[in-house]
Amino acid sequence: MKFFAAAALFATSAMAAVCPDGGLFSNPLCCSSILLEAVGLDCTTPTAPVVTAGLFQANCASIGKQPACCVAPLAGQGILCNNPAGTH
């Protein structure tokens, strides 16, 4: 049982590292482009859970987009976006 608790704790911290949960940039989105490192264009939510930065990047790339952590999605745009930790 202790193993599962440790694994769950590790998985939770891995998810939190991609887009800070409860922080300002807490919305993971896949965007066609990010203008001026602030506005994400043509953004959608990832089609798979955001578990690691690599999986987030691969998921967005599979639909021709790039990962972004945004303050809020609004009408297909990401407002105040930045690059997730661990992606390029």
N, C-alpha and C. Protein backbone atom coordinates (compact mmCIF):
# COMPACT_ATOMS: atom_id res chain seq x y z
N MET A 1 0.82 -1.19 0.00
CA MET A 1 0.00 0.00 0.00
C MET A 1 0.87 1.26 0.00
N LYS A 2 2.00 1.20 0.69
CA LYS A 2 2.89 2.36 0.73
C LYS A 2 3.43 2.68 -0.66
N PHE A 3 3.66 1.64 -1.47
CA PHE A 3 4.16 1.86 -2.83
C PHE A 3 3.16 2.68 -3.64
N PHE A 4 1.88 2.35 -3.54
CA PHE A 4 0.86 3.08 -4.30
C PHE A 4 0.75 4.53 -3.85
N ALA A 5 0.88 4.75 -2.57
CA ALA A 5 0.84 6.13 -2.06
C ALA A 5 2.04 6.92 -2.58
N ALA A 6 3.20 6.30 -2.60
CA ALA A 6 4.40 6.98 -3.11
C ALA A 6 4.27 7.22 -4.61
N ALA A 7 3.75 6.25 -5.35
CA ALA A 7 3.56 6.41 -6.80
C ALA A 7 2.56 7.51 -7.10
N ALA A 8 1.48 7.57 -6.33
CA ALA A 8 0.48 8.61 -6.54
C ALA A 8 1.06 9.99 -6.22
N LEU A 9 1.87 10.07 -5.19
CA LEU A 9 2.50 11.34 -4.84
C LEU A 9 3.45 11.78 -5.94
N PHE A 10 4.23 10.85 -6.50
CA PHE A 10 5.15 11.18 -7.59
C PHE A 10 4.37 11.62 -8.82
N ALA A 11 3.30 10.93 -9.16
CA ALA A 11 2.50 11.29 -10.33
C ALA A 11 1.88 12.66 -10.15
N THR A 12 1.43 12.98 -8.96
CA THR A 12 0.84 14.29 -8.70
C THR A 12 1.87 15.38 -8.86
N SER A 13 3.08 15.18 -8.36
CA SER A 13 4.10 16.22 -8.49
C SER A 13 4.58 16.33 -9.93
N ALA A 14 4.55 15.25 -10.70
CA ALA A 14 4.93 15.33 -12.11
C ALA A 14 3.91 16.15 -12.88
N MET A 15 2.61 15.98 -12.57
CA MET A 15 1.57 16.74 -13.25
C MET A 15 1.67 18.22 -12.88
N ALA A 16 1.95 18.50 -11.61
CA ALA A 16 2.00 19.88 -11.16
C ALA A 16 3.17 20.62 -11.78
N ALA A 17 4.22 19.91 -12.17
CA ALA A 17 5.41 20.55 -12.71
C ALA A 17 5.19 21.08 -14.13
N VAL A 18 4.22 20.54 -14.88
CA VAL A 18 4.01 20.97 -16.26
C VAL A 18 3.33 22.33 -16.29
N CYS A 19 2.15 22.45 -15.78
CA CYS A 19 1.45 23.73 -15.63
C CYS A 19 1.05 23.82 -14.16
N PRO A 20 1.50 24.83 -13.45
CA PRO A 20 1.25 24.92 -12.00
C PRO A 20 -0.23 24.85 -11.66
N ASP A 21 -0.62 23.86 -10.88
CA ASP A 21 -2.00 23.70 -10.47
C ASP A 21 -2.38 24.79 -9.48
N GLY A 22 -3.42 25.52 -9.79
CA GLY A 22 -3.87 26.59 -8.91
C GLY A 22 -3.09 27.88 -9.08
N GLY A 23 -2.07 27.85 -9.91
CA GLY A 23 -1.28 29.06 -10.15
C GLY A 23 -1.88 29.88 -11.27
N LEU A 24 -1.20 30.92 -11.63
CA LEU A 24 -1.68 31.83 -12.67
C LEU A 24 -1.76 31.14 -14.03
N PHE A 25 -0.75 30.37 -14.41
CA PHE A 25 -0.69 29.71 -15.72
C PHE A 25 -1.09 28.24 -15.58
N SER A 26 -2.28 27.96 -15.08
CA SER A 26 -2.68 26.60 -14.73
C SER A 26 -3.49 25.88 -15.79
N ASN A 27 -3.77 26.49 -16.94
CA ASN A 27 -4.58 25.85 -17.98
C ASN A 27 -3.70 25.32 -19.11
N PRO A 28 -3.54 23.98 -19.20
CA PRO A 28 -2.76 23.42 -20.31
C PRO A 28 -3.56 23.47 -21.60
N LEU A 29 -2.99 24.04 -22.66
CA LEU A 29 -3.64 24.13 -23.95
C LEU A 29 -2.66 23.76 -25.05
N CYS A 30 -3.20 23.32 -26.18
CA CYS A 30 -2.40 23.07 -27.38
C CYS A 30 -2.75 24.19 -28.35
N CYS A 31 -1.77 25.03 -28.71
CA CYS A 31 -2.02 26.21 -29.54
C CYS A 31 -1.23 26.14 -30.85
N SER A 32 -1.81 26.69 -31.91
CA SER A 32 -1.12 26.73 -33.20
C SER A 32 0.11 27.60 -33.12
N SER A 33 0.02 28.72 -32.43
CA SER A 33 1.17 29.59 -32.22
C SER A 33 0.92 30.46 -30.99
N ILE A 34 2.01 31.03 -30.49
CA ILE A 34 1.91 31.93 -29.34
C ILE A 34 2.55 33.25 -29.77
N LEU A 35 1.75 34.30 -29.81
CA LEU A 35 2.23 35.62 -30.22
C LEU A 35 2.83 36.37 -29.04
N LEU A 36 4.00 36.93 -29.27
CA LEU A 36 4.69 37.76 -28.27
C LEU A 36 4.80 37.07 -26.92
N GLU A 37 4.87 35.76 -26.94
CA GLU A 37 4.95 34.97 -25.71
C GLU A 37 3.84 35.34 -24.73
N ALA A 38 2.66 35.67 -25.27
CA ALA A 38 1.57 36.07 -24.39
C ALA A 38 0.21 35.53 -24.82
N VAL A 39 -0.09 35.52 -26.13
CA VAL A 39 -1.41 35.12 -26.59
C VAL A 39 -1.31 33.87 -27.45
N GLY A 40 -2.00 32.82 -27.04
CA GLY A 40 -2.03 31.58 -27.82
C GLY A 40 -3.16 31.65 -28.83
N LEU A 41 -2.86 31.28 -30.08
CA LEU A 41 -3.87 31.31 -31.14
C LEU A 41 -4.35 29.90 -31.48
N ASP A 42 -5.63 29.79 -31.80
CA ASP A 42 -6.24 28.52 -32.20
C ASP A 42 -5.91 27.43 -31.18
N CYS A 43 -6.33 27.64 -29.94
CA CYS A 43 -6.00 26.72 -28.85
C CYS A 43 -7.13 25.73 -28.58
N THR A 44 -6.73 24.53 -28.22
CA THR A 44 -7.68 23.49 -27.81
C THR A 44 -7.11 22.82 -26.57
N THR A 45 -7.96 22.13 -25.85
CA THR A 45 -7.47 21.38 -24.70
C THR A 45 -6.79 20.11 -25.19
N PRO A 46 -5.79 19.63 -24.49
CA PRO A 46 -5.11 18.39 -24.89
C PRO A 46 -6.09 17.22 -24.94
N THR A 47 -5.84 16.29 -25.84
CA THR A 47 -6.73 15.14 -25.99
C THR A 47 -6.40 14.02 -25.01
N ALA A 48 -5.31 14.15 -24.29
CA ALA A 48 -4.90 13.16 -23.28
C ALA A 48 -4.52 13.91 -22.01
N PRO A 49 -4.56 13.24 -20.87
CA PRO A 49 -4.16 13.89 -19.62
C PRO A 49 -2.72 14.42 -19.69
N VAL A 50 -2.51 15.56 -19.08
CA VAL A 50 -1.17 16.16 -19.04
C VAL A 50 -0.44 15.57 -17.84
N VAL A 51 0.37 14.55 -18.11
CA VAL A 51 1.07 13.85 -17.03
C VAL A 51 2.52 14.32 -16.93
N THR A 52 3.19 14.42 -18.08
CA THR A 52 4.57 14.89 -18.10
C THR A 52 4.71 15.92 -19.23
N ALA A 53 5.77 16.68 -19.18
CA ALA A 53 6.02 17.68 -20.22
C ALA A 53 6.20 17.02 -21.58
N GLY A 54 6.90 15.89 -21.61
CA GLY A 54 7.13 15.18 -22.87
C GLY A 54 5.83 14.67 -23.50
N LEU A 55 4.95 14.10 -22.67
CA LEU A 55 3.67 13.63 -23.19
C LEU A 55 2.78 14.78 -23.63
N PHE A 56 2.82 15.88 -22.90
CA PHE A 56 2.05 17.08 -23.26
C PHE A 56 2.52 17.59 -24.62
N GLN A 57 3.82 17.68 -24.80
CA GLN A 57 4.38 18.16 -26.06
C GLN A 57 4.03 17.21 -27.20
N ALA A 58 4.15 15.91 -26.97
CA ALA A 58 3.83 14.91 -28.00
C ALA A 58 2.35 14.95 -28.37
N ASN A 59 1.50 15.12 -27.37
CA ASN A 59 0.07 15.18 -27.62
C ASN A 59 -0.28 16.38 -28.50
N CYS A 60 0.27 17.53 -28.18
CA CYS A 60 0.00 18.73 -28.97
C CYS A 60 0.60 18.59 -30.38
N ALA A 61 1.80 18.04 -30.47
CA ALA A 61 2.46 17.87 -31.77
C ALA A 61 1.66 16.94 -32.67
N SER A 62 0.96 15.97 -32.09
CA SER A 62 0.19 15.02 -32.90
C SER A 62 -0.97 15.70 -33.63
N ILE A 63 -1.37 16.88 -33.17
CA ILE A 63 -2.42 17.63 -33.86
C ILE A 63 -1.86 18.93 -34.46
N GLY A 64 -0.53 18.98 -34.60
CA GLY A 64 0.12 20.12 -35.25
C GLY A 64 0.16 21.39 -34.44
N LYS A 65 0.16 21.25 -33.13
CA LYS A 65 0.18 22.42 -32.25
C LYS A 65 1.31 22.32 -31.25
N GLN A 66 1.49 23.37 -30.47
CA GLN A 66 2.54 23.40 -29.44
C GLN A 66 1.89 23.57 -28.07
N PRO A 67 2.52 23.01 -27.03
CA PRO A 67 1.95 23.10 -25.69
C PRO A 67 2.12 24.50 -25.10
N ALA A 68 1.15 24.89 -24.31
CA ALA A 68 1.22 26.19 -23.62
C ALA A 68 0.48 26.10 -22.29
N CYS A 69 0.97 26.84 -21.31
CA CYS A 69 0.28 26.99 -20.04
C CYS A 69 -0.28 28.41 -20.03
N CYS A 70 -1.60 28.52 -19.96
CA CYS A 70 -2.25 29.82 -20.10
C CYS A 70 -3.06 30.17 -18.86
N VAL A 71 -3.30 31.48 -18.72
CA VAL A 71 -4.12 31.96 -17.60
C VAL A 71 -5.56 31.55 -17.82
N ALA A 72 -6.08 31.77 -19.03
CA ALA A 72 -7.47 31.44 -19.31
C ALA A 72 -7.68 31.23 -20.80
N PRO A 73 -8.49 30.23 -21.16
CA PRO A 73 -8.89 30.10 -22.56
C PRO A 73 -10.11 30.97 -22.82
N LEU A 74 -10.14 31.62 -23.98
CA LEU A 74 -11.28 32.49 -24.31
C LEU A 74 -11.51 32.43 -25.81
N ALA A 75 -12.63 31.85 -26.22
CA ALA A 75 -13.02 31.77 -27.63
C ALA A 75 -11.91 31.21 -28.53
N GLY A 76 -11.30 30.10 -28.11
CA GLY A 76 -10.27 29.46 -28.91
C GLY A 76 -8.90 30.10 -28.82
N GLN A 77 -8.76 31.10 -27.97
CA GLN A 77 -7.47 31.77 -27.78
C GLN A 77 -7.02 31.53 -26.34
N GLY A 78 -5.72 31.49 -26.15
CA GLY A 78 -5.17 31.38 -24.81
C GLY A 78 -4.70 32.75 -24.37
N ILE A 79 -5.16 33.19 -23.22
CA ILE A 79 -4.80 34.51 -22.71
C ILE A 79 -3.61 34.37 -21.76
N LEU A 80 -2.59 35.17 -21.98
CA LEU A 80 -1.36 35.15 -21.18
C LEU A 80 -0.81 33.73 -21.07
N CYS A 81 -0.10 33.30 -22.09
CA CYS A 81 0.46 31.94 -22.15
C CYS A 81 1.97 31.97 -22.04
N ASN A 82 2.51 30.87 -21.53
CA ASN A 82 3.96 30.69 -21.55
C ASN A 82 4.26 29.23 -21.87
N ASN A 83 5.53 28.94 -22.13
CA ASN A 83 5.93 27.57 -22.45
C ASN A 83 5.97 26.75 -21.17
N PRO A 84 5.43 25.54 -21.23
CA PRO A 84 5.46 24.68 -20.05
C PRO A 84 6.89 24.28 -19.68
N ALA A 85 7.12 24.06 -18.42
CA ALA A 85 8.44 23.61 -17.95
C ALA A 85 8.75 22.25 -18.58
N GLY A 86 9.96 22.10 -19.06
CA GLY A 86 10.40 20.83 -19.62
C GLY A 86 10.09 20.62 -21.08
N THR A 87 9.55 21.63 -21.77
CA THR A 87 9.30 21.52 -23.21
C THR A 87 10.21 22.50 -23.93
N HIS A 88 10.32 22.34 -25.24
CA HIS A 88 11.15 23.27 -26.01
C HIS A 88 10.36 23.87 -27.13
